[in-house]
Amino acid sequence: MTSAVGESEDPPAEVLAEAAAAFGLLASSARLHIVWVLAQGECDVTGLSERVGGALPAVSQHLTKLKLAGLVRSRREGRRQVYFVDDPDVVTVVRLMVGQLTARTAPATAWRV
């Protein structure tokens, strides 16, 4: 079985379930924003909290869910936990989706000026 996009074969049920779970986690705008920020480079929870505008405990809970799902990883740097997206495919999907939606809204915004 090949994994090329556009093939007529359906993906296995396990693959679809895994994709649905990942998309389910990214359906939260807060978690999507966190992954977007981490796609730009690694960051600790304090920096993420400031950047996404969330309370530290809420950002920590989102990071825990993303980490358990394997979408985000962390490493210890002194007393800090530094988070990062280690999967280039996740980065690609997030950048593609957000980029496409941004491009769609940019012309509409320009016309409202």
N, C-alpha and C. Protein backbone atom coordinates (compact mmCIF):
# COMPACT_ATOMS: atom_id res chain seq x y z
N MET A 1 0.84 -1.18 0.00
CA MET A 1 0.00 0.00 0.00
C MET A 1 0.89 1.24 0.00
N THR A 2 0.59 2.18 -0.86
CA THR A 2 1.39 3.40 -0.91
C THR A 2 0.74 4.49 -0.09
N SER A 3 1.53 5.51 0.25
CA SER A 3 0.99 6.59 1.06
C SER A 3 0.94 7.90 0.30
N ALA A 4 1.02 7.84 -1.01
CA ALA A 4 1.02 9.06 -1.82
C ALA A 4 -0.35 9.72 -1.78
N VAL A 5 -0.36 11.04 -1.73
CA VAL A 5 -1.61 11.78 -1.76
C VAL A 5 -2.24 11.63 -3.14
N GLY A 6 -3.54 11.46 -3.16
CA GLY A 6 -4.22 11.33 -4.44
C GLY A 6 -4.43 9.88 -4.86
N GLU A 7 -3.90 8.93 -4.12
CA GLU A 7 -4.11 7.53 -4.44
C GLU A 7 -5.57 7.18 -4.21
N SER A 8 -6.08 6.20 -4.92
CA SER A 8 -7.47 5.83 -4.79
C SER A 8 -7.74 4.96 -3.57
N GLU A 9 -6.71 4.38 -2.99
CA GLU A 9 -6.90 3.56 -1.80
C GLU A 9 -7.14 4.43 -0.58
N ASP A 10 -8.08 3.98 0.24
CA ASP A 10 -8.33 4.69 1.49
C ASP A 10 -7.24 4.36 2.51
N PRO A 11 -6.89 5.34 3.36
CA PRO A 11 -5.90 5.04 4.40
C PRO A 11 -6.51 4.09 5.43
N PRO A 12 -5.66 3.38 6.14
CA PRO A 12 -6.16 2.47 7.19
C PRO A 12 -6.92 3.24 8.27
N ALA A 13 -7.83 2.58 8.93
CA ALA A 13 -8.64 3.19 9.98
C ALA A 13 -7.78 3.78 11.10
N GLU A 14 -6.66 3.10 11.40
CA GLU A 14 -5.78 3.59 12.47
C GLU A 14 -5.18 4.94 12.10
N VAL A 15 -4.82 5.10 10.84
CA VAL A 15 -4.24 6.35 10.37
C VAL A 15 -5.28 7.46 10.43
N LEU A 16 -6.48 7.17 10.00
CA LEU A 16 -7.55 8.16 10.05
C LEU A 16 -7.86 8.57 11.50
N ALA A 17 -7.86 7.59 12.40
CA ALA A 17 -8.12 7.89 13.81
C ALA A 17 -7.02 8.77 14.39
N GLU A 18 -5.78 8.48 14.04
CA GLU A 18 -4.65 9.28 14.53
C GLU A 18 -4.72 10.70 13.98
N ALA A 19 -5.05 10.84 12.71
CA ALA A 19 -5.18 12.17 12.09
C ALA A 19 -6.32 12.94 12.74
N ALA A 20 -7.44 12.28 12.97
CA ALA A 20 -8.59 12.94 13.60
C ALA A 20 -8.24 13.42 15.00
N ALA A 21 -7.49 12.61 15.74
CA ALA A 21 -7.08 13.01 17.09
C ALA A 21 -6.17 14.24 17.04
N ALA A 22 -5.23 14.25 16.10
CA ALA A 22 -4.33 15.40 15.96
C ALA A 22 -5.11 16.65 15.56
N PHE A 23 -6.01 16.51 14.59
CA PHE A 23 -6.82 17.66 14.17
C PHE A 23 -7.74 18.11 15.31
N GLY A 24 -8.22 17.15 16.10
CA GLY A 24 -9.06 17.50 17.25
C GLY A 24 -8.31 18.36 18.25
N LEU A 25 -7.06 18.03 18.50
CA LEU A 25 -6.25 18.84 19.42
C LEU A 25 -5.99 20.22 18.84
N LEU A 26 -5.79 20.29 17.54
CA LEU A 26 -5.50 21.58 16.90
C LEU A 26 -6.77 22.38 16.64
N ALA A 27 -7.95 21.81 16.95
CA ALA A 27 -9.20 22.53 16.77
C ALA A 27 -9.38 23.63 17.81
N SER A 28 -8.60 23.59 18.86
CA SER A 28 -8.60 24.66 19.86
C SER A 28 -7.72 25.79 19.35
N SER A 29 -8.28 27.00 19.30
CA SER A 29 -7.48 28.12 18.80
C SER A 29 -6.27 28.39 19.69
N ALA A 30 -6.40 28.15 20.99
CA ALA A 30 -5.26 28.35 21.89
C ALA A 30 -4.14 27.36 21.58
N ARG A 31 -4.48 26.08 21.40
CA ARG A 31 -3.46 25.08 21.08
C ARG A 31 -2.87 25.31 19.70
N LEU A 32 -3.69 25.70 18.75
CA LEU A 32 -3.20 26.01 17.42
C LEU A 32 -2.22 27.18 17.47
N HIS A 33 -2.54 28.20 18.27
CA HIS A 33 -1.64 29.35 18.42
C HIS A 33 -0.31 28.91 19.04
N ILE A 34 -0.38 28.04 20.04
CA ILE A 34 0.84 27.53 20.68
C ILE A 34 1.70 26.79 19.65
N VAL A 35 1.10 25.92 18.87
CA VAL A 35 1.86 25.18 17.85
C VAL A 35 2.42 26.15 16.82
N TRP A 36 1.65 27.16 16.43
CA TRP A 36 2.12 28.17 15.48
C TRP A 36 3.37 28.86 16.02
N VAL A 37 3.33 29.27 17.29
CA VAL A 37 4.48 29.94 17.90
C VAL A 37 5.67 28.99 17.95
N LEU A 38 5.44 27.75 18.36
CA LEU A 38 6.54 26.78 18.46
C LEU A 38 7.09 26.39 17.09
N ALA A 39 6.28 26.54 16.06
CA ALA A 39 6.78 26.27 14.71
C ALA A 39 7.82 27.31 14.30
N GLN A 40 7.76 28.48 14.94
CA GLN A 40 8.73 29.54 14.65
C GLN A 40 10.04 29.32 15.42
N GLY A 41 9.98 28.56 16.51
CA GLY A 41 11.16 28.28 17.31
C GLY A 41 10.76 27.87 18.72
N GLU A 42 11.70 27.32 19.44
CA GLU A 42 11.38 26.82 20.77
C GLU A 42 11.11 27.96 21.74
N CYS A 43 10.37 27.63 22.82
CA CYS A 43 9.95 28.65 23.78
C CYS A 43 9.59 27.96 25.10
N ASP A 44 9.74 28.69 26.20
CA ASP A 44 9.30 28.14 27.49
C ASP A 44 7.85 28.56 27.74
N VAL A 45 7.26 28.04 28.81
CA VAL A 45 5.85 28.27 29.06
C VAL A 45 5.56 29.74 29.35
N THR A 46 6.48 30.44 29.99
CA THR A 46 6.28 31.87 30.26
C THR A 46 6.23 32.66 28.97
N GLY A 47 7.17 32.41 28.07
CA GLY A 47 7.18 33.09 26.77
C GLY A 47 5.94 32.77 25.96
N LEU A 48 5.51 31.51 26.00
CA LEU A 48 4.30 31.12 25.28
C LEU A 48 3.08 31.82 25.85
N SER A 49 3.01 31.88 27.17
CA SER A 49 1.89 32.54 27.83
C SER A 49 1.79 34.00 27.42
N GLU A 50 2.93 34.68 27.38
CA GLU A 50 2.95 36.08 26.96
C GLU A 50 2.56 36.23 25.50
N ARG A 51 3.04 35.34 24.68
CA ARG A 51 2.81 35.44 23.23
C ARG A 51 1.37 35.12 22.84
N VAL A 52 0.78 34.10 23.47
CA VAL A 52 -0.58 33.70 23.09
C VAL A 52 -1.64 34.36 23.96
N GLY A 53 -1.20 35.06 25.00
CA GLY A 53 -2.15 35.79 25.85
C GLY A 53 -2.96 34.91 26.77
N GLY A 54 -2.39 33.81 27.20
CA GLY A 54 -3.09 32.90 28.11
C GLY A 54 -2.44 32.87 29.47
N ALA A 55 -3.19 32.44 30.47
CA ALA A 55 -2.65 32.28 31.81
C ALA A 55 -1.67 31.11 31.82
N LEU A 56 -0.65 31.20 32.65
CA LEU A 56 0.37 30.13 32.73
C LEU A 56 -0.24 28.74 32.94
N PRO A 57 -1.17 28.57 33.90
CA PRO A 57 -1.73 27.22 34.10
C PRO A 57 -2.47 26.70 32.86
N ALA A 58 -3.18 27.57 32.16
CA ALA A 58 -3.92 27.14 30.97
C ALA A 58 -2.95 26.74 29.86
N VAL A 59 -1.90 27.53 29.65
CA VAL A 59 -0.91 27.21 28.63
C VAL A 59 -0.22 25.90 28.98
N SER A 60 0.09 25.70 30.25
CA SER A 60 0.72 24.44 30.69
C SER A 60 -0.17 23.25 30.40
N GLN A 61 -1.48 23.39 30.63
CA GLN A 61 -2.41 22.30 30.35
C GLN A 61 -2.47 22.00 28.86
N HIS A 62 -2.50 23.04 28.04
CA HIS A 62 -2.50 22.84 26.59
C HIS A 62 -1.22 22.13 26.15
N LEU A 63 -0.09 22.56 26.70
CA LEU A 63 1.19 21.93 26.35
C LEU A 63 1.21 20.46 26.75
N THR A 64 0.64 20.14 27.89
CA THR A 64 0.59 18.75 28.35
C THR A 64 -0.20 17.90 27.35
N LYS A 65 -1.34 18.41 26.90
CA LYS A 65 -2.14 17.66 25.92
C LYS A 65 -1.39 17.49 24.60
N LEU A 66 -0.77 18.57 24.14
CA LEU A 66 -0.01 18.50 22.88
C LEU A 66 1.17 17.55 23.01
N LYS A 67 1.79 17.54 24.17
CA LYS A 67 2.94 16.67 24.40
C LYS A 67 2.50 15.20 24.46
N LEU A 68 1.41 14.92 25.14
CA LEU A 68 0.90 13.55 25.23
C LEU A 68 0.51 13.01 23.86
N ALA A 69 0.04 13.89 22.99
CA ALA A 69 -0.34 13.49 21.64
C ALA A 69 0.86 13.36 20.71
N GLY A 70 2.03 13.77 21.16
CA GLY A 70 3.23 13.67 20.35
C GLY A 70 3.38 14.81 19.35
N LEU A 71 2.61 15.89 19.51
CA LEU A 71 2.72 17.03 18.60
C LEU A 71 3.80 18.01 19.05
N VAL A 72 4.13 17.97 20.33
CA VAL A 72 5.13 18.88 20.91
C VAL A 72 6.05 18.06 21.81
N ARG A 73 7.29 18.48 21.88
CA ARG A 73 8.26 17.85 22.79
C ARG A 73 8.87 18.92 23.66
N SER A 74 9.59 18.50 24.68
CA SER A 74 10.26 19.47 25.55
C SER A 74 11.61 18.93 25.97
N ARG A 75 12.44 19.87 26.42
CA ARG A 75 13.74 19.49 26.98
C ARG A 75 14.02 20.45 28.12
N ARG A 76 14.80 19.98 29.07
CA ARG A 76 15.14 20.81 30.22
C ARG A 76 16.35 21.67 29.86
N GLU A 77 16.25 22.94 30.20
CA GLU A 77 17.35 23.88 30.01
C GLU A 77 17.52 24.62 31.33
N GLY A 78 18.39 24.10 32.18
CA GLY A 78 18.52 24.65 33.53
C GLY A 78 17.26 24.37 34.31
N ARG A 79 16.61 25.41 34.79
CA ARG A 79 15.38 25.25 35.56
C ARG A 79 14.13 25.34 34.68
N ARG A 80 14.30 25.63 33.40
CA ARG A 80 13.16 25.81 32.49
C ARG A 80 12.92 24.57 31.64
N GLN A 81 11.65 24.37 31.30
CA GLN A 81 11.28 23.39 30.28
C GLN A 81 11.12 24.19 28.99
N VAL A 82 11.82 23.80 27.95
CA VAL A 82 11.71 24.46 26.66
C VAL A 82 10.94 23.54 25.73
N TYR A 83 9.91 24.09 25.09
CA TYR A 83 9.04 23.32 24.23
C TYR A 83 9.35 23.60 22.76
N PHE A 84 9.09 22.60 21.92
CA PHE A 84 9.33 22.74 20.49
C PHE A 84 8.50 21.71 19.73
N VAL A 85 8.26 22.00 18.46
CA VAL A 85 7.60 21.04 17.57
C VAL A 85 8.71 20.30 16.85
N ASP A 86 8.74 19.00 17.04
CA ASP A 86 9.82 18.19 16.50
C ASP A 86 9.43 17.49 15.19
N ASP A 87 8.19 17.67 14.77
CA ASP A 87 7.69 16.98 13.59
C ASP A 87 7.49 17.99 12.45
N PRO A 88 8.33 17.96 11.43
CA PRO A 88 8.20 18.93 10.34
C PRO A 88 6.85 18.83 9.62
N ASP A 89 6.22 17.67 9.63
CA ASP A 89 4.91 17.52 8.98
C ASP A 89 3.84 18.33 9.71
N VAL A 90 3.89 18.33 11.04
CA VAL A 90 2.94 19.12 11.83
C VAL A 90 3.14 20.60 11.53
N VAL A 91 4.39 21.03 11.47
CA VAL A 91 4.71 22.42 11.16
C VAL A 91 4.16 22.77 9.77
N THR A 92 4.36 21.89 8.80
CA THR A 92 3.88 22.13 7.44
C THR A 92 2.37 22.28 7.40
N VAL A 93 1.66 21.39 8.06
CA VAL A 93 0.19 21.43 8.05
C VAL A 93 -0.31 22.72 8.69
N VAL A 94 0.24 23.09 9.84
CA VAL A 94 -0.20 24.29 10.53
C VAL A 94 0.12 25.53 9.71
N ARG A 95 1.33 25.61 9.19
CA ARG A 95 1.69 26.78 8.38
C ARG A 95 0.83 26.88 7.12
N LEU A 96 0.56 25.76 6.49
CA LEU A 96 -0.26 25.75 5.28
C LEU A 96 -1.68 26.24 5.58
N MET A 97 -2.30 25.68 6.60
CA MET A 97 -3.67 26.05 6.92
C MET A 97 -3.77 27.51 7.34
N VAL A 98 -2.94 27.93 8.26
CA VAL A 98 -3.00 29.32 8.73
C VAL A 98 -2.61 30.28 7.60
N GLY A 99 -1.62 29.91 6.81
CA GLY A 99 -1.21 30.75 5.69
C GLY A 99 -2.31 30.92 4.66
N GLN A 100 -3.00 29.82 4.33
CA GLN A 100 -4.09 29.89 3.36
C GLN A 100 -5.23 30.76 3.87
N LEU A 101 -5.59 30.60 5.13
CA LEU A 101 -6.68 31.39 5.69
C LEU A 101 -6.29 32.86 5.81
N THR A 102 -5.04 33.12 6.11
CA THR A 102 -4.56 34.51 6.18
C THR A 102 -4.61 35.14 4.80
N ALA A 103 -4.20 34.40 3.79
CA ALA A 103 -4.22 34.91 2.41
C ALA A 103 -5.65 35.21 1.96
N ARG A 104 -6.60 34.39 2.38
CA ARG A 104 -8.00 34.60 2.01
C ARG A 104 -8.57 35.87 2.65
N THR A 105 -8.18 36.14 3.88
CA THR A 105 -8.74 37.29 4.59
C THR A 105 -7.98 38.59 4.28
N ALA A 106 -6.74 38.50 3.81
CA ALA A 106 -5.94 39.71 3.53
C ALA A 106 -6.60 40.61 2.50
N PRO A 107 -7.03 40.12 1.34
CA PRO A 107 -7.66 41.02 0.36
C PRO A 107 -8.96 41.63 0.89
N ALA A 108 -9.75 40.87 1.63
CA ALA A 108 -11.00 41.38 2.18
C ALA A 108 -10.72 42.51 3.17
N THR A 109 -9.67 42.35 3.96
CA THR A 109 -9.30 43.38 4.92
C THR A 109 -8.83 44.63 4.20
N ALA A 110 -8.08 44.49 3.12
CA ALA A 110 -7.56 45.64 2.38
C ALA A 110 -8.70 46.47 1.79
N TRP A 111 -9.79 45.79 1.39
CA TRP A 111 -10.90 46.52 0.77
C TRP A 111 -11.70 47.31 1.80
N ARG A 112 -11.61 46.96 3.07
CA ARG A 112 -12.39 47.64 4.11
C ARG A 112 -11.75 48.95 4.55
N VAL A 113 -10.55 49.24 4.13
CA VAL A 113 -9.83 50.43 4.58
C VAL A 113 -10.49 51.69 4.17
